[in-house]
Amino acid sequence: MITDPVCGIELDQNLATSYTLNEQIYYFCCDGCKKIFIKKPKKWLKKLNRK
């Protein structure tokens, strides 16, 4: 199981959409969350690093 960094939903990696940034793959529940992440990746990466 992986967790969408934008909405926090846990889902199966096979069902997720992905995006690669700086050689790291991030997984999302839908294209909407992916687009939100792509617009401001630093914001979401900062939140991920706090966890």
N, C-alpha and C. Protein backbone atom coordinates (compact mmCIF):
# COMPACT_ATOMS: atom_id res chain seq x y z
N MET A 1 0.84 -1.19 0.00
CA MET A 1 0.00 0.00 0.00
C MET A 1 0.89 1.25 0.00
N ILE A 2 0.46 2.23 -0.76
CA ILE A 2 1.15 3.52 -0.81
C ILE A 2 0.17 4.61 -0.37
N THR A 3 0.70 5.77 -0.04
CA THR A 3 -0.13 6.88 0.41
C THR A 3 0.01 8.05 -0.53
N ASP A 4 -1.10 8.58 -0.98
CA ASP A 4 -1.13 9.78 -1.83
C ASP A 4 -0.63 10.95 -0.97
N PRO A 5 0.44 11.65 -1.39
CA PRO A 5 0.97 12.74 -0.57
C PRO A 5 0.05 13.96 -0.48
N VAL A 6 -0.91 14.09 -1.37
CA VAL A 6 -1.79 15.25 -1.37
C VAL A 6 -3.01 15.03 -0.46
N CYS A 7 -3.73 13.94 -0.69
CA CYS A 7 -4.96 13.72 0.08
C CYS A 7 -4.81 12.72 1.22
N GLY A 8 -3.71 11.96 1.22
CA GLY A 8 -3.45 11.03 2.30
C GLY A 8 -4.13 9.68 2.19
N ILE A 9 -4.81 9.42 1.09
CA ILE A 9 -5.49 8.14 0.89
C ILE A 9 -4.46 7.04 0.66
N GLU A 10 -4.66 5.90 1.31
CA GLU A 10 -3.83 4.73 1.06
C GLU A 10 -4.46 3.92 -0.06
N LEU A 11 -3.64 3.49 -1.01
CA LEU A 11 -4.15 2.70 -2.12
C LEU A 11 -3.10 1.76 -2.64
N ASP A 12 -3.54 0.81 -3.44
CA ASP A 12 -2.65 -0.16 -4.06
C ASP A 12 -1.84 0.55 -5.15
N GLN A 13 -0.55 0.31 -5.17
CA GLN A 13 0.33 0.95 -6.14
C GLN A 13 -0.11 0.68 -7.57
N ASN A 14 -0.68 -0.48 -7.83
CA ASN A 14 -1.13 -0.85 -9.19
C ASN A 14 -2.31 -0.01 -9.66
N LEU A 15 -3.05 0.58 -8.73
CA LEU A 15 -4.22 1.39 -9.08
C LEU A 15 -3.89 2.88 -9.16
N ALA A 16 -2.69 3.24 -8.75
CA ALA A 16 -2.31 4.65 -8.64
C ALA A 16 -1.74 5.19 -9.94
N THR A 17 -1.80 6.51 -10.06
CA THR A 17 -1.10 7.21 -11.14
C THR A 17 0.19 7.73 -10.53
N SER A 18 1.23 7.87 -11.32
CA SER A 18 2.53 8.25 -10.75
C SER A 18 3.13 9.46 -11.44
N TYR A 19 4.10 10.03 -10.75
CA TYR A 19 4.84 11.19 -11.26
C TYR A 19 6.25 11.08 -10.71
N THR A 20 7.24 11.30 -11.55
CA THR A 20 8.63 11.22 -11.13
C THR A 20 9.21 12.63 -11.03
N LEU A 21 9.83 12.90 -9.89
CA LEU A 21 10.46 14.19 -9.63
C LEU A 21 11.80 13.92 -8.97
N ASN A 22 12.87 14.43 -9.55
CA ASN A 22 14.22 14.23 -9.02
C ASN A 22 14.51 12.75 -8.76
N GLU A 23 14.17 11.91 -9.72
CA GLU A 23 14.41 10.47 -9.69
C GLU A 23 13.64 9.75 -8.58
N GLN A 24 12.66 10.39 -7.97
CA GLN A 24 11.79 9.80 -6.96
C GLN A 24 10.39 9.68 -7.55
N ILE A 25 9.77 8.51 -7.37
CA ILE A 25 8.42 8.30 -7.89
C ILE A 25 7.41 8.57 -6.78
N TYR A 26 6.40 9.38 -7.10
CA TYR A 26 5.30 9.68 -6.18
C TYR A 26 4.03 9.12 -6.79
N TYR A 27 3.16 8.58 -5.94
CA TYR A 27 1.94 7.94 -6.40
C TYR A 27 0.72 8.69 -5.91
N PHE A 28 -0.32 8.75 -6.76
CA PHE A 28 -1.52 9.53 -6.47
C PHE A 28 -2.76 8.70 -6.77
N CYS A 29 -3.85 9.03 -6.05
CA CYS A 29 -5.10 8.30 -6.24
C CYS A 29 -5.79 8.69 -7.54
N CYS A 30 -5.53 9.91 -8.01
CA CYS A 30 -6.19 10.38 -9.24
C CYS A 30 -5.35 11.46 -9.90
N ASP A 31 -5.72 11.82 -11.12
CA ASP A 31 -5.00 12.87 -11.84
C ASP A 31 -5.15 14.23 -11.16
N GLY A 32 -6.26 14.44 -10.46
CA GLY A 32 -6.47 15.70 -9.76
C GLY A 32 -5.40 15.93 -8.70
N CYS A 33 -5.15 14.93 -7.88
CA CYS A 33 -4.12 15.04 -6.84
C CYS A 33 -2.73 15.20 -7.48
N LYS A 34 -2.51 14.48 -8.56
CA LYS A 34 -1.23 14.57 -9.27
C LYS A 34 -1.00 15.99 -9.78
N LYS A 35 -2.04 16.61 -10.36
CA LYS A 35 -1.92 17.98 -10.87
C LYS A 35 -1.66 18.98 -9.75
N ILE A 36 -2.32 18.79 -8.61
CA ILE A 36 -2.10 19.66 -7.46
C ILE A 36 -0.65 19.57 -7.01
N PHE A 37 -0.11 18.35 -6.95
CA PHE A 37 1.28 18.13 -6.54
C PHE A 37 2.24 18.79 -7.53
N ILE A 38 1.99 18.61 -8.82
CA ILE A 38 2.89 19.14 -9.85
C ILE A 38 2.94 20.67 -9.81
N LYS A 39 1.82 21.32 -9.48
CA LYS A 39 1.78 22.78 -9.42
C LYS A 39 2.73 23.35 -8.36
N LYS A 40 2.76 22.70 -7.18
CA LYS A 40 3.59 23.19 -6.07
C LYS A 40 4.25 22.02 -5.34
N PRO A 41 5.18 21.33 -6.00
CA PRO A 41 5.77 20.15 -5.37
C PRO A 41 6.50 20.46 -4.07
N LYS A 42 7.13 21.62 -3.96
CA LYS A 42 7.86 21.96 -2.72
C LYS A 42 6.93 21.98 -1.52
N LYS A 43 5.71 22.48 -1.69
CA LYS A 43 4.72 22.52 -0.61
C LYS A 43 4.43 21.12 -0.10
N TRP A 44 4.18 20.20 -1.02
CA TRP A 44 3.81 18.83 -0.64
C TRP A 44 5.00 18.04 -0.14
N LEU A 45 6.19 18.29 -0.68
CA LEU A 45 7.38 17.60 -0.20
C LEU A 45 7.70 18.05 1.23
N LYS A 46 7.48 19.32 1.52
CA LYS A 46 7.71 19.82 2.88
C LYS A 46 6.78 19.11 3.87
N LYS A 47 5.53 18.93 3.47
CA LYS A 47 4.56 18.22 4.34
C LYS A 47 4.95 16.76 4.52
N LEU A 48 5.46 16.13 3.47
CA LEU A 48 5.89 14.74 3.57
C LEU A 48 7.07 14.59 4.52
N ASN A 49 7.98 15.55 4.48
CA ASN A 49 9.18 15.48 5.32
C ASN A 49 8.88 15.72 6.79
N ARG A 50 7.76 16.34 7.10
CA ARG A 50 7.37 16.59 8.50
C ARG A 50 6.84 15.33 9.17
N LYS A 51 6.39 14.38 8.38
CA LYS A 51 5.78 13.16 8.95
C LYS A 51 6.82 12.23 9.47
